[in-house]
């Protein structure tokens, strides 16, 4: 995994590679925080695997990979500014590695887009962003056993929230995700859309029955 990260370096001099190695350790530590049950290194690996699977459809795979690594770098389920703080962390990385202002702006926009996951007309024109967002929520269209495990993991991340408040909040999130198309790309809609909507509908029913109560 570290070699995969190092391959994203846009500079190949020794100093840049050392910096990349240090950033790998830093990011890995974030994703291995004990409070993370779903938004952890496994989620990053899953997204990177999908990037490899759809690499021929992505215009700038290195840019998407960097967005994947940083999009959940800062994650505290008690806060609502995780995406903004993840962008700030990426901006520090960009300065450290001398990335261009244009590239920094592009990847930052990908990271902040995970806050709403809305696939508006602008996003649909950007295939790389569309695939990145679909990679992030691909779990919604997985088989029931894997999806249910994800649901349990999310509940654990919100263990500080009462059962009643969690049911209300989670249903709101699921209903929002279910509005219109779940996925931004035709490829993911064809592959996962039907299953994703069925999974979310089923989770709402399970929430109402107290299935995920702590």
Protein backbone atom coordinates (compact mmCIF):
# COMPACT_ATOMS: atom_id res chain seq x y z
CA UNK A 1 0.00 0.00 0.00
CA UNK A 2 2.85 2.40 0.75
CA UNK A 3 4.38 1.75 -2.68
CA UNK A 4 1.03 2.58 -4.27
CA UNK A 5 0.98 5.86 -2.34
CA UNK A 6 4.58 6.70 -3.28
CA UNK A 7 3.72 6.16 -6.95
CA UNK A 8 1.40 9.18 -6.72
CA UNK A 9 4.35 11.54 -6.24
CA UNK A 10 4.49 14.09 -9.06
CA UNK A 11 8.18 14.62 -8.30
CA UNK A 12 10.69 11.77 -8.18
CA UNK A 13 13.59 13.45 -6.38
CA UNK A 14 14.72 11.91 -3.09
CA UNK A 15 13.47 14.81 -0.97
CA UNK A 16 9.95 14.56 -2.40
CA UNK A 17 9.84 10.80 -1.91
CA UNK A 18 10.91 11.21 1.72
CA UNK A 19 8.13 13.75 2.22
CA UNK A 20 5.64 11.36 0.58
CA UNK A 21 6.78 8.60 2.93
CA UNK A 22 6.21 10.84 5.93
CA UNK A 23 2.74 11.78 4.67
CA UNK A 24 1.88 8.12 4.20
CA UNK A 25 2.62 7.46 7.87
CA UNK A 26 0.57 10.49 8.87
CA UNK A 27 -2.44 9.53 6.76
CA UNK A 28 -2.28 5.90 7.82
CA UNK A 29 -2.34 7.00 11.47
CA UNK A 30 -5.46 9.07 10.84
CA UNK A 31 -7.27 6.18 9.17
CA UNK A 32 -6.29 3.78 11.96
CA UNK A 33 -7.87 5.84 14.73
CA UNK A 34 -9.82 3.59 17.11
CA UNK A 35 -13.03 5.61 16.71
CA UNK A 36 -13.26 4.61 13.05
CA UNK A 37 -15.25 1.50 12.23
CA UNK A 38 -16.12 2.22 8.59
CA UNK A 39 -14.22 5.39 7.61
CA UNK A 40 -10.88 3.67 8.00
CA UNK A 41 -8.03 2.36 5.86
CA UNK A 42 -10.23 -0.44 4.51
CA UNK A 43 -12.53 2.17 2.98
CA UNK A 44 -9.55 3.82 1.29
CA UNK A 45 -8.34 0.46 -0.05
CA UNK A 46 -11.81 -0.34 -1.38
CA UNK A 47 -11.98 2.97 -3.24
CA UNK A 48 -8.48 2.53 -4.65
CA UNK A 49 -9.46 -0.94 -5.90
CA UNK A 50 -12.44 0.55 -7.72
CA UNK A 51 -10.17 3.22 -9.20
CA UNK A 52 -7.98 0.47 -10.62
CA UNK A 53 -11.04 -1.35 -11.97
CA UNK A 54 -12.29 1.79 -13.75
CA UNK A 55 -8.89 3.31 -14.53
CA UNK A 56 -9.54 3.32 -18.28
CA UNK A 57 -12.61 5.52 -17.69
CA UNK A 58 -10.82 8.04 -15.44
CA UNK A 59 -8.93 10.89 -17.09
CA UNK A 60 -6.57 11.77 -14.22
CA UNK A 61 -6.23 8.70 -11.98
CA UNK A 62 -3.44 10.23 -9.86
CA UNK A 63 -5.66 13.19 -8.99
CA UNK A 64 -8.54 10.90 -8.06
CA UNK A 65 -6.22 8.73 -5.97
CA UNK A 66 -4.99 11.75 -4.01
CA UNK A 67 -8.60 12.79 -3.38
CA UNK A 68 -9.35 9.27 -2.15
CA UNK A 69 -6.47 9.36 0.32
CA UNK A 70 -7.42 12.74 1.76
CA UNK A 71 -11.23 12.80 1.59
CA UNK A 72 -11.77 11.21 5.03
CA UNK A 73 -8.36 11.97 6.52
CA UNK A 74 -10.05 14.06 9.19
CA UNK A 75 -13.09 12.25 10.55
CA UNK A 76 -14.80 12.99 13.83
CA UNK A 77 -18.43 11.86 13.92
CA UNK A 78 -19.18 14.48 16.59
CA UNK A 79 -18.25 17.32 14.18
CA UNK A 80 -19.72 18.57 10.91
CA UNK A 81 -16.63 20.18 9.38
CA UNK A 82 -14.64 17.04 8.55
CA UNK A 83 -14.55 17.72 4.82
CA UNK A 84 -13.34 21.28 5.33
CA UNK A 85 -10.60 20.12 7.70
CA UNK A 86 -9.60 17.35 5.28
CA UNK A 87 -9.26 20.02 2.58
CA UNK A 88 -7.08 22.08 4.91
CA UNK A 89 -4.87 19.06 5.51
CA UNK A 90 -4.59 18.44 1.78
CA UNK A 91 -3.62 22.08 1.24
CA UNK A 92 -0.76 21.66 3.73
CA UNK A 93 0.32 18.55 1.79
CA UNK A 94 0.07 20.45 -1.51
CA UNK A 95 2.35 23.22 -0.23
CA UNK A 96 4.81 20.66 1.17
CA UNK A 97 4.97 18.81 -2.17
CA UNK A 98 4.89 21.98 -4.32
CA UNK A 99 1.68 21.08 -6.13
CA UNK A 100 0.26 23.69 -8.47
CA UNK A 101 -2.55 25.98 -7.35
CA UNK A 102 -4.76 24.58 -10.13
CA UNK A 103 -4.23 20.98 -9.01
CA UNK A 104 -4.76 21.90 -5.37
CA UNK A 105 -8.04 23.61 -6.20
CA UNK A 106 -9.24 20.65 -8.28
CA UNK A 107 -8.57 17.99 -5.67
CA UNK A 108 -9.90 20.19 -2.87
CA UNK A 109 -13.16 20.51 -4.80
CA UNK A 110 -13.39 16.70 -5.00
CA UNK A 111 -12.91 16.36 -1.24
CA UNK A 112 -15.52 19.00 -0.38
CA UNK A 113 -17.99 17.41 -2.83
CA UNK A 114 -18.25 14.39 -0.51
CA UNK A 115 -20.07 16.61 1.98
CA UNK A 116 -23.29 16.60 -0.06
CA UNK A 117 -22.70 13.87 -2.68
CA UNK A 118 -25.15 15.67 -4.93
CA UNK A 119 -24.62 14.89 -8.60
CA UNK A 120 -25.63 18.19 -10.16
CA UNK A 121 -25.17 18.96 -13.84
CA UNK A 122 -21.71 20.40 -13.28
CA UNK A 123 -20.54 17.25 -11.53
CA UNK A 124 -21.97 14.98 -14.23
CA UNK A 125 -19.80 16.78 -16.79
CA UNK A 126 -16.69 15.97 -14.75
CA UNK A 127 -16.28 12.25 -15.19
CA UNK A 128 -13.39 11.99 -12.73
CA UNK A 129 -15.39 13.66 -9.96
CA UNK A 130 -18.43 11.55 -10.79
CA UNK A 131 -16.44 8.32 -10.53
CA UNK A 132 -14.76 9.51 -7.32
CA UNK A 133 -18.14 10.17 -5.69
CA UNK A 134 -19.44 6.80 -6.88
CA UNK A 135 -16.39 5.00 -5.49
CA UNK A 136 -17.09 6.64 -2.13
CA UNK A 137 -20.69 5.36 -1.84
CA UNK A 138 -20.31 2.07 -3.71
CA UNK A 139 -21.01 0.24 -0.43
CA UNK A 140 -24.66 1.23 -0.83
CA UNK A 141 -25.02 -1.18 -3.73
CA UNK A 142 -23.25 -4.18 -2.22
CA UNK A 143 -24.86 -7.45 -1.17
CA UNK A 144 -27.03 -7.40 1.94
CA UNK A 145 -24.50 -9.00 4.30
CA UNK A 146 -21.78 -6.48 3.45
CA UNK A 147 -24.23 -3.59 3.52
CA UNK A 148 -25.57 -4.62 6.92
CA UNK A 149 -22.03 -4.77 8.28
CA UNK A 150 -21.51 -1.24 7.00
CA UNK A 151 -24.72 -0.11 8.72
CA UNK A 152 -23.51 -1.54 12.03
CA UNK A 153 -20.12 0.15 11.60
CA UNK A 154 -21.73 3.53 10.97
CA UNK A 155 -23.89 3.11 14.08
CA UNK A 156 -20.75 2.41 16.13
CA UNK A 157 -19.15 5.60 14.85
CA UNK A 158 -22.20 7.46 16.15
CA UNK A 159 -22.34 5.68 19.50
CA UNK A 160 -22.46 9.09 21.20
CA UNK A 161 -25.92 9.67 19.67
CA UNK A 162 -29.08 8.34 21.34
CA UNK A 163 -31.01 5.60 19.55
CA UNK A 164 -33.94 7.91 18.81
CA UNK A 165 -31.78 10.73 17.48
CA UNK A 166 -29.75 8.28 15.41
CA UNK A 167 -32.86 6.77 13.82
CA UNK A 168 -34.13 10.22 12.86
CA UNK A 169 -30.77 11.44 11.56
CA UNK A 170 -29.87 8.27 9.70
CA UNK A 171 -33.27 8.06 8.01
CA UNK A 172 -32.82 11.64 6.85
CA UNK A 173 -29.42 10.78 5.34
CA UNK A 174 -30.77 7.65 3.63
CA UNK A 175 -33.80 9.45 2.22
CA UNK A 176 -31.54 12.20 0.88
CA UNK A 177 -29.23 9.68 -0.78
CA UNK A 178 -32.23 7.89 -2.30
CA UNK A 179 -33.59 11.02 -4.01
CA UNK A 180 -33.07 10.85 -7.74
CA UNK A 181 -30.04 8.84 -8.85
CA UNK A 182 -27.83 7.42 -6.12
CA UNK A 183 -24.84 7.20 -8.46
CA UNK A 184 -23.38 9.83 -10.76
CA UNK A 185 -22.13 7.59 -13.57
CA UNK A 186 -24.11 5.31 -15.87
CA UNK A 187 -21.62 2.55 -15.14
CA UNK A 188 -22.41 2.57 -11.42
CA UNK A 189 -26.12 3.10 -11.92
CA UNK A 190 -26.27 0.03 -14.14
CA UNK A 191 -24.23 -2.01 -11.66
CA UNK A 192 -25.41 -0.80 -8.24
CA UNK A 193 -28.43 1.54 -8.39
CA UNK A 194 -31.25 -0.97 -7.93
CA UNK A 195 -29.49 -2.78 -5.11
CA UNK A 196 -28.54 0.48 -3.38
CA UNK A 197 -32.12 1.72 -3.24
CA UNK A 198 -33.32 -1.65 -1.97
CA UNK A 199 -30.59 -1.68 0.71
CA UNK A 200 -31.41 1.80 1.95
CA UNK A 201 -35.13 1.09 2.03
CA UNK A 202 -34.44 -2.06 4.04
CA UNK A 203 -32.13 -0.21 6.44
CA UNK A 204 -34.85 2.35 7.15
CA UNK A 205 -37.21 -0.49 8.05
CA UNK A 206 -34.55 -2.05 10.30
CA UNK A 207 -33.89 1.29 11.98
CA UNK A 208 -37.58 1.67 12.76
CA UNK A 209 -37.60 -1.82 14.28
CA UNK A 210 -34.68 -0.96 16.59
CA UNK A 211 -32.24 -3.27 14.80
CA UNK A 212 -29.31 -0.87 15.22
CA UNK A 213 -30.09 0.33 18.73
CA UNK A 214 -27.14 0.26 21.13
